PDB file of N, CA and C in Angstrom:
ATOM      1  N   MET A   1      -3.653   2.274  -7.410  1.00  0.00           N
ATOM      2  CA  MET A   1      -3.447   2.145  -5.757  1.00  0.00           C
ATOM      3  C   MET A   1      -4.526   2.355  -4.495  1.00  0.00           C
ATOM      4  N   LEU A   2      -4.833   4.209  -4.644  1.00  0.00           N
ATOM      5  CA  LEU A   2      -5.875   4.854  -4.049  1.00  0.00           C
ATOM      6  C   LEU A   2      -6.982   4.242  -3.404  1.00  0.00           C
ATOM      7  N   ALA A   3      -7.905   3.378  -4.861  1.00  0.00           N
ATOM      8  CA  ALA A   3      -8.713   2.652  -4.400  1.00  0.00           C
ATOM      9  C   ALA A   3      -8.317   1.698  -2.995  1.00  0.00           C
ATOM     10  N   GLY A   4      -7.159   1.067  -3.219  1.00  0.00           N
ATOM     11  CA  GLY A   4      -7.305  -0.552  -2.767  1.00  0.00           C
ATOM     12  C   GLY A   4      -6.373  -0.092  -1.065  1.00  0.00           C
ATOM     13  N   LEU A   5      -6.188   0.876  -1.213  1.00  0.00           N
ATOM     14  CA  LEU A   5      -5.796   1.817   0.416  1.00  0.00           C
ATOM     15  C   LEU A   5      -6.814   2.193   0.738  1.00  0.00           C
ATOM     16  N   VAL A   6      -8.005   2.597   0.457  1.00  0.00           N
ATOM     17  CA  VAL A   6      -8.653   2.734   1.101  1.00  0.00           C
ATOM     18  C   VAL A   6      -9.923   2.029   0.985  1.00  0.00           C
ATOM     19  N   THR A   7     -10.198   0.938   0.947  1.00  0.00           N
ATOM     20  CA  THR A   7     -10.636  -0.206   0.368  1.00  0.00           C
ATOM     21  C   THR A   7      -9.811  -1.156   1.422  1.00  0.00           C
ATOM     22  N   THR A   8      -9.059  -1.402   1.794  1.00  0.00           N
ATOM     23  CA  THR A   8      -7.934  -2.066   3.295  1.00  0.00           C
ATOM     24  C   THR A   8      -8.366  -0.949   4.330  1.00  0.00           C
ATOM     25  N   VAL A   9      -8.338   0.116   4.183  1.00  0.00           N
ATOM     26  CA  VAL A   9      -8.791   0.536   5.568  1.00  0.00           C
ATOM     27  C   VAL A   9     -10.110   0.832   6.341  1.00  0.00           C
ATOM     28  N   VAL A  10     -10.678   0.754   4.690  1.00  0.00           N
ATOM     29  CA  VAL A  10     -12.327   1.048   5.394  1.00  0.00           C
ATOM     30  C   VAL A  10     -12.741  -0.741   6.205  1.00  0.00           C
ATOM     31  N   LEU A  11     -11.845  -1.486   5.057  1.00  0.00           N
ATOM     32  CA  LEU A  11     -12.354  -3.089   5.525  1.00  0.00           C
ATOM     33  C   LEU A  11     -11.588  -3.120   7.386  1.00  0.00           C
ATOM     34  N   GLY A  12     -10.763  -2.421   7.223  1.00  0.00           N
ATOM     35  CA  GLY A  12      -9.846  -3.242   8.646  1.00  0.00           C
ATOM     36  C   GLY A  12     -11.041  -1.727   9.794  1.00  0.00           C
ATOM     37  N   GLN A  13     -11.076  -1.024   9.371  1.00  0.00           N
ATOM     38  CA  GLN A  13     -12.300  -0.383  10.482  1.00  0.00           C
ATOM     39  C   GLN A  13     -13.094  -1.067  10.923  1.00  0.00           C
ATOM     40  N   LEU A  14     -13.650  -1.829   9.912  1.00  0.00           N
ATOM     41  CA  LEU A  14     -15.575  -2.810  10.376  1.00  0.00           C
ATOM     42  C   LEU A  14     -14.657  -3.832  11.088  1.00  0.00           C
ATOM     43  N   ASN A  15     -13.564  -4.087  10.457  1.00  0.00           N
ATOM     44  CA  ASN A  15     -13.440  -5.507  11.505  1.00  0.00           C
ATOM     45  C   ASN A  15     -13.023  -5.205  12.938  1.00  0.00           C
ATOM     46  N   TYR A  16     -12.503  -4.033  12.980  1.00  0.00           N
ATOM     47  CA  TYR A  16     -12.062  -3.609  14.153  1.00  0.00           C
ATOM     48  C   TYR A  16     -13.375  -3.182  15.038  1.00  0.00           C
ATOM     49  N   GLN A  17     -13.828  -2.793  14.033  1.00  0.00           N
ATOM     50  CA  GLN A  17     -15.641  -2.116  15.148  1.00  0.00           C
ATOM     51  C   GLN A  17     -16.036  -3.837  15.283  1.00  0.00           C
ATOM     52  N   ASP A  18     -15.650  -4.619  14.771  1.00  0.00           N
ATOM     53  CA  ASP A  18     -16.572  -5.887  14.926  1.00  0.00           C
ATOM     54  C   ASP A  18     -15.715  -6.468  15.838  1.00  0.00           C
ATOM     55  N   LYS A  19     -14.465  -6.743  16.072  1.00  0.00           N
ATOM     56  CA  LYS A  19     -13.874  -7.833  17.292  1.00  0.00           C
ATOM     57  C   LYS A  19     -14.024  -6.842  18.526  1.00  0.00           C
ATOM     58  N   TYR A  20     -13.621  -5.057  18.279  1.00  0.00           N
ATOM     59  CA  TYR A  20     -13.543  -4.053  19.795  1.00  0.00           C
ATOM     60  C   TYR A  20     -15.150  -3.187  20.114  1.00  0.00           C
ATOM     61  N   GLY A  21     -15.555  -3.144  19.052  1.00  0.00           N
ATOM     62  CA  GLY A  21     -16.445  -2.378  18.927  1.00  0.00           C
ATOM     63  C   GLY A  21     -17.816  -2.442  19.355  1.00  0.00           C
ATOM     64  N   GLY A  22     -17.894  -3.824  20.100  1.00  0.00           N
ATOM     65  CA  GLY A  22     -19.127  -4.284  20.372  1.00  0.00           C
ATOM     66  C   GLY A  22     -19.982  -4.843  19.261  1.00  0.00           C
ATOM     67  N   GLY A  23     -19.459  -5.451  18.260  1.00  0.00           N
ATOM     68  CA  GLY A  23     -19.993  -6.048  17.333  1.00  0.00           C
ATOM     69  C   GLY A  23     -20.095  -7.868  17.133  1.00  0.00           C
ATOM     70  N   GLY A  24     -19.402  -7.972  18.863  1.00  0.00           N
ATOM     71  CA  GLY A  24     -19.680  -9.741  19.022  1.00  0.00           C
ATOM     72  C   GLY A  24     -18.294  -9.992  18.787  1.00  0.00           C
ATOM     73  N   ASP A  25     -17.691  -9.393  17.810  1.00  0.00           N
ATOM     74  CA  ASP A  25     -16.558 -10.701  17.246  1.00  0.00           C
ATOM     75  C   ASP A  25     -16.883 -11.537  16.447  1.00  0.00           C
ATOM     76  N   THR A  26     -17.967 -11.770  15.391  1.00  0.00           N
ATOM     77  CA  THR A  26     -18.258 -12.087  14.339  1.00  0.00           C
ATOM     78  C   THR A  26     -17.075 -12.739  13.243  1.00  0.00           C
ATOM     79  N   GLY A  27     -16.288 -12.096  13.405  1.00  0.00           N
ATOM     80  CA  GLY A  27     -15.044 -12.365  12.500  1.00  0.00           C
ATOM     81  C   GLY A  27     -15.570 -12.495  10.628  1.00  0.00           C
ATOM     82  N   ARG A  28     -16.502 -11.732  10.607  1.00  0.00           N
ATOM     83  CA  ARG A  28     -17.126 -11.213   9.133  1.00  0.00           C
ATOM     84  C   ARG A  28     -16.349 -10.401   8.436  1.00  0.00           C
ATOM     85  N   TRP A  29     -15.512  -9.600   8.634  1.00  0.00           N
ATOM     86  CA  TRP A  29     -14.921  -8.796   7.902  1.00  0.00           C
ATOM     87  C   TRP A  29     -13.536  -9.378   7.994  1.00  0.00           C
ATOM     88  N   TYR A  30     -12.865  -9.400   8.631  1.00  0.00           N
ATOM     89  CA  TYR A  30     -11.752 -10.860   8.721  1.00  0.00           C
ATOM     90  C   TYR A  30     -10.743 -10.667   7.531  1.00  0.00           C
ATOM     91  N   ASN A  31     -11.365 -11.978   6.377  1.00  0.00           N
ATOM     92  CA  ASN A  31     -10.768 -12.520   5.330  1.00  0.00           C
ATOM     93  C   ASN A  31     -10.908 -11.425   4.615  1.00  0.00           C
ATOM     94  N   ALA A  32     -12.130 -10.612   4.333  1.00  0.00           N
ATOM     95  CA  ALA A  32     -12.145  -9.396   3.592  1.00  0.00           C
ATOM     96  C   ALA A  32     -11.096  -8.285   3.397  1.00  0.00           C
ATOM     97  N   HIS A  33     -10.743  -8.145   5.290  1.00  0.00           N
ATOM     98  CA  HIS A  33      -9.323  -6.912   4.851  1.00  0.00           C
ATOM     99  C   HIS A  33      -8.433  -7.755   4.652  1.00  0.00           C
ATOM    100  N   ARG A  34      -7.943  -8.641   5.490  1.00  0.00           N
ATOM    101  CA  ARG A  34      -7.040  -9.939   4.669  1.00  0.00           C
ATOM    102  C   ARG A  34      -6.716  -9.339   3.504  1.00  0.00           C
ATOM    103  N   ASP A  35      -7.344  -9.775   2.558  1.00  0.00           N
ATOM    104  CA  ASP A  35      -7.696 -10.099   1.248  1.00  0.00           C
ATOM    105  C   ASP A  35      -7.737  -8.904   0.325  1.00  0.00           C
ATOM    106  N   ALA A  36      -8.224  -7.792   1.035  1.00  0.00           N
ATOM    107  CA  ALA A  36      -7.619  -6.271   0.918  1.00  0.00           C
ATOM    108  C   ALA A  36      -6.225  -5.828   0.896  1.00  0.00           C
ATOM    109  N   ALA A  37      -6.116  -6.417   1.727  1.00  0.00           N
ATOM    110  CA  ALA A  37      -4.315  -5.935   2.309  1.00  0.00           C
ATOM    111  C   ALA A  37      -3.142  -6.959   1.121  1.00  0.00           C
ATOM    112  N   LEU A  38      -3.615  -8.048   0.791  1.00  0.00           N
ATOM    113  CA  LEU A  38      -2.758  -9.294   0.565  1.00  0.00           C
ATOM    114  C   LEU A  38      -2.354  -8.204  -1.374  1.00  0.00           C
ATOM    115  N   ILE A  39      -4.142  -8.244  -1.768  1.00  0.00           N
ATOM    116  CA  ILE A  39      -4.555  -7.183  -2.552  1.00  0.00           C
ATOM    117  C   ILE A  39      -3.587  -5.838  -3.739  1.00  0.00           C
ATOM    118  N   THR A  40      -3.489  -5.448  -2.303  1.00  0.00           N
ATOM    119  CA  THR A  40      -2.578  -3.673  -2.503  1.00  0.00           C
ATOM    120  C   THR A  40      -1.662  -4.109  -2.424  1.00  0.00           C
ATOM    121  N   SER A  41      -0.852  -4.894  -1.463  1.00  0.00           N
ATOM    122  CA  SER A  41       0.225  -5.158  -1.362  1.00  0.00           C
ATOM    123  C   SER A  41       0.713  -5.983  -2.744  1.00  0.00           C
ATOM    124  N   ALA A  42       0.216  -6.494  -2.933  1.00  0.00           N
ATOM    125  CA  ALA A  42       0.685  -6.757  -4.507  1.00  0.00           C
ATOM    126  C   ALA A  42       1.070  -6.294  -5.244  1.00  0.00           C
ATOM    127  N   LEU A  43      -0.413  -5.130  -5.591  1.00  0.00           N
ATOM    128  CA  LEU A  43      -0.329  -4.243  -6.448  1.00  0.00           C
ATOM    129  C   LEU A  43       1.050  -3.158  -6.293  1.00  0.00           C
ATOM    130  N   PHE A  44       0.870  -2.740  -5.297  1.00  0.00           N
ATOM    131  CA  PHE A  44       2.136  -1.738  -5.126  1.00  0.00           C
ATOM    132  C   PHE A  44       3.077  -2.461  -5.282  1.00  0.00           C
ATOM    133  N   ALA A  45       3.844  -3.797  -4.704  1.00  0.00           N
ATOM    134  CA  ALA A  45       4.769  -4.055  -5.154  1.00  0.00           C
ATOM    135  C   ALA A  45       5.252  -4.277  -6.534  1.00  0.00           C
ATOM    136  N   THR A  46       4.477  -4.633  -7.447  1.00  0.00           N
ATOM    137  CA  THR A  46       4.628  -4.141  -9.226  1.00  0.00           C
ATOM    138  C   THR A  46       4.316  -3.424  -9.651  1.00  0.00           C
ATOM    139  N   ALA A  47       3.804  -2.178  -8.853  1.00  0.00           N
ATOM    140  CA  ALA A  47       4.246  -0.719  -9.422  1.00  0.00           C
ATOM    141  C   ALA A  47       5.178  -0.482  -9.391  1.00  0.00           C
ATOM    142  N   GLY A  48       5.809  -0.946  -8.239  1.00  0.00           N
ATOM    143  CA  GLY A  48       7.392  -0.400  -7.404  1.00  0.00           C
ATOM    144  C   GLY A  48       8.151  -1.073  -8.663  1.00  0.00           C
ATOM    145  N   THR A  49       8.142  -2.259  -8.117  1.00  0.00           N
ATOM    146  CA  THR A  49       8.992  -2.952  -9.361  1.00  0.00           C
ATOM    147  C   THR A  49       9.291  -2.101 -10.501  1.00  0.00           C
ATOM    148  N   LEU A  50       8.021  -2.461 -11.853  1.00  0.00           N
ATOM    149  CA  LEU A  50       8.014  -1.343 -12.568  1.00  0.00           C
ATOM    150  C   LEU A  50       8.781  -0.338 -13.182  1.00  0.00           C
ATOM    151  N   ALA A  51       8.310   0.250 -11.561  1.00  0.00           N
ATOM    152  CA  ALA A  51       8.809   2.003 -12.052  1.00  0.00           C
ATOM    153  C   ALA A  51      10.533   1.912 -11.629  1.00  0.00           C
ATOM    154  N   LEU A  52      10.842   1.348 -10.941  1.00  0.00           N
ATOM    155  CA  LEU A  52      12.454   0.843 -10.562  1.00  0.00           C
ATOM    156  C   LEU A  52      13.150   0.289 -11.670  1.00  0.00           C
ATOM    157  N   LEU A  53      12.477  -0.645 -12.190  1.00  0.00           N
ATOM    158  CA  LEU A  53      13.159  -1.481 -14.011  1.00  0.00           C
ATOM    159  C   LEU A  53      12.978  -1.107 -15.375  1.00  0.00           C
ATOM    160  N   ALA A  54      12.067   0.294 -15.067  1.00  0.00           N
ATOM    161  CA  ALA A  54      11.800   0.977 -15.981  1.00  0.00           C
ATOM    162  C   ALA A  54      12.946   1.664 -16.679  1.00  0.00           C
ATOM    163  N   PRO A  55      13.437   1.793 -17.891  1.00  0.00           N
ATOM    164  CA  PRO A  55      14.963   2.321 -18.375  1.00  0.00           C
ATOM    165  C   PRO A  55      14.527   3.974 -18.974  1.00  0.00           C
ATOM    166  N   THR A  56      15.514   4.599 -18.240  1.00  0.00           N
ATOM    167  CA  THR A  56      15.419   6.052 -18.147  1.00  0.00           C
ATOM    168  C   THR A  56      15.988   6.242 -19.594  1.00  0.00           C
ATOM    169  N   PRO A  57      15.313   7.195 -19.940  1.00  0.00           N
ATOM    170  CA  PRO A  57      15.152   7.631 -21.536  1.00  0.00           C
ATOM    171  C   PRO A  57      16.409   8.763 -21.998  1.00  0.00           C
ATOM    172  N   THR A  58      16.884   9.739 -21.112  1.00  0.00           N
ATOM    173  CA  THR A  58      17.855  10.444 -20.922  1.00  0.00           C
ATOM    174  C   THR A  58      18.320  10.420 -20.041  1.00  0.00           C
ATOM    175  N   GLU A  59      19.982  10.380 -19.930  1.00  0.00           N
ATOM    176  CA  GLU A  59      21.051  10.287 -19.129  1.00  0.00           C
ATOM    177  C   GLU A  59      21.027  11.485 -18.150  1.00  0.00           C
ATOM    178  N   LYS A  60      20.863  11.881 -16.841  1.00  0.00           N
ATOM    179  CA  LYS A  60      20.908  13.372 -16.201  1.00  0.00           C
ATOM    180  C   LYS A  60      21.070  12.966 -15.085  1.00  0.00           C
ATOM    181  N   ARG A  61      22.319  14.265 -13.717  1.00  0.00           N
ATOM    182  CA  ARG A  61      22.495  14.148 -12.944  1.00  0.00           C
ATOM    183  C   ARG A  61      21.417  14.081 -11.978  1.00  0.00           C
ATOM    184  N   ILE A  62      21.740  12.532 -11.049  1.00  0.00           N
ATOM    185  CA  ILE A  62      21.085  13.258  -9.429  1.00  0.00           C
ATOM    186  C   ILE A  62      21.350  14.173  -8.734  1.00  0.00           C
ATOM    187  N   ARG A  63      20.322  14.559  -8.147  1.00  0.00           N
ATOM    188  CA  ARG A  63      19.869  16.277  -8.053  1.00  0.00           C
ATOM    189  C   ARG A  63      18.796  15.784  -6.966  1.00  0.00           C
ATOM    190  N   LEU A  64      18.033  16.842  -6.216  1.00  0.00           N
ATOM    191  CA  LEU A  64      16.731  17.204  -5.393  1.00  0.00           C
ATOM    192  C   LEU A  64      16.102  17.897  -6.228  1.00  0.00           C
ATOM    193  N   ASP A  65      14.985  17.184  -6.842  1.00  0.00           N
ATOM    194  CA  ASP A  65      13.548  17.747  -7.842  1.00  0.00           C
ATOM    195  C   ASP A  65      12.731  16.868  -7.316  1.00  0.00           C
ATOM    196  N   THR A  66      11.287  16.431  -8.174  1.00  0.00           N
ATOM    197  CA  THR A  66       9.858  15.592  -7.547  1.00  0.00           C
ATOM    198  C   THR A  66      10.676  14.212  -7.408  1.00  0.00           C
ATOM    199  N   VAL A  67      11.182  14.129  -9.032  1.00  0.00           N
ATOM    200  CA  VAL A  67      11.443  12.792  -9.161  1.00  0.00           C
ATOM    201  C   VAL A  67      12.131  11.760  -8.033  1.00  0.00           C
ATOM    202  N   THR A  68      13.294  12.247  -7.511  1.00  0.00           N
ATOM    203  CA  THR A  68      13.693  12.161  -6.461  1.00  0.00           C
ATOM    204  C   THR A  68      13.231  12.077  -5.192  1.00  0.00           C
ATOM    205  N   LEU A  69      12.628  13.200  -4.797  1.00  0.00           N
ATOM    206  CA  LEU A  69      11.546  12.708  -3.691  1.00  0.00           C
ATOM    207  C   LEU A  69      10.391  12.006  -3.683  1.00  0.00           C
ATOM    208  N   HIS A  70      10.088  11.870  -5.044  1.00  0.00           N
ATOM    209  CA  HIS A  70       9.199  10.538  -4.939  1.00  0.00           C
ATOM    210  C   HIS A  70       9.338   9.349  -5.131  1.00  0.00           C
ATOM    211  N   LYS A  71      10.832   9.149  -4.988  1.00  0.00           N
ATOM    212  CA  LYS A  71      11.665   7.746  -5.132  1.00  0.00           C
ATOM    213  C   LYS A  71      11.890   7.577  -3.771  1.00  0.00           C
ATOM    214  N   THR A  72      12.064   8.765  -2.976  1.00  0.00           N
ATOM    215  CA  THR A  72      12.588   8.457  -1.673  1.00  0.00           C
ATOM    216  C   THR A  72      11.788   7.890  -0.733  1.00  0.00           C
ATOM    217  N   PHE A  73      10.650   8.691  -1.553  1.00  0.00           N
ATOM    218  CA  PHE A  73       9.111   8.452  -0.757  1.00  0.00           C
ATOM    219  C   PHE A  73       8.634   7.179  -0.989  1.00  0.00           C
ATOM    220  N   THR A  74       8.820   6.701  -1.554  1.00  0.00           N
ATOM    221  CA  THR A  74       8.319   5.523  -2.007  1.00  0.00           C
ATOM    222  C   THR A  74       8.467   4.384  -1.421  1.00  0.00           C
ATOM    223  N   GLY A  75      10.010   4.319  -1.179  1.00  0.00           N
ATOM    224  CA  GLY A  75      11.102   3.782  -0.716  1.00  0.00           C
ATOM    225  C   GLY A  75      10.807   3.333   0.924  1.00  0.00           C
ATOM    226  N   ILE A  76      10.292   4.943   1.437  1.00  0.00           N
ATOM    227  CA  ILE A  76       9.570   4.573   2.754  1.00  0.00           C
ATOM    228  C   ILE A  76       8.497   3.817   2.882  1.00  0.00           C
ATOM    229  N   ALA A  77       7.754   4.520   2.052  1.00  0.00           N
ATOM    230  CA  ALA A  77       6.376   3.682   1.509  1.00  0.00           C
ATOM    231  C   ALA A  77       6.853   1.764   1.521  1.00  0.00           C
ATOM    232  N   ALA A  78       7.609   1.828   0.867  1.00  0.00           N
ATOM    233  CA  ALA A  78       7.689   0.148   1.028  1.00  0.00           C
ATOM    234  C   ALA A  78       8.188  -0.716   2.400  1.00  0.00           C
ATOM    235  N   ALA A  79       9.197   0.178   2.670  1.00  0.00           N
ATOM    236  CA  ALA A  79       9.649  -0.601   4.170  1.00  0.00           C
ATOM    237  C   ALA A  79       8.127  -0.382   5.224  1.00  0.00           C
ATOM    238  N   GLY A  80       7.446   1.049   5.112  1.00  0.00           N
ATOM    239  CA  GLY A  80       6.365   0.894   6.077  1.00  0.00           C
ATOM    240  C   GLY A  80       5.474  -0.701   5.316  1.00  0.00           C
ATOM    241  N   PHE A  81       5.227  -0.769   3.955  1.00  0.00           N
ATOM    242  CA  PHE A  81       4.139  -2.101   3.708  1.00  0.00           C
ATOM    243  C   PHE A  81       4.729  -2.896   3.970  1.00  0.00           C
ATOM    244  N   ALA A  82       6.257  -3.311   4.216  1.00  0.00           N
ATOM    245  CA  ALA A  82       7.071  -4.913   4.559  1.00  0.00           C
ATOM    246  C   ALA A  82       7.054  -5.375   6.113  1.00  0.00           C
ATOM    247  N   ALA A  83       7.107  -3.632   7.088  1.00  0.00           N
ATOM    248  CA  ALA A  83       6.951  -3.748   8.492  1.00  0.00           C
ATOM    249  C   ALA A  83       5.499  -4.153   8.913  1.00  0.00           C
TER     250      ALA A  83
END
């Protein structure tokens, strides 16, 4: 995930510089950025789906712990991806 996000951000910045930073708006980085964003989104969706569908090995009470916080923030990140 981290590699995909970093690649998407770097290609997005290169695309932005090309379009608005005096690069002549050649569109050189547009397709690479779009493809990286689609692949990263698909990886995120796949990892999230697997995590949500994974069985719980033992039953436990719902409480505020690191797992609950991680699930909450992952849901917020998924909403950001969807937006």
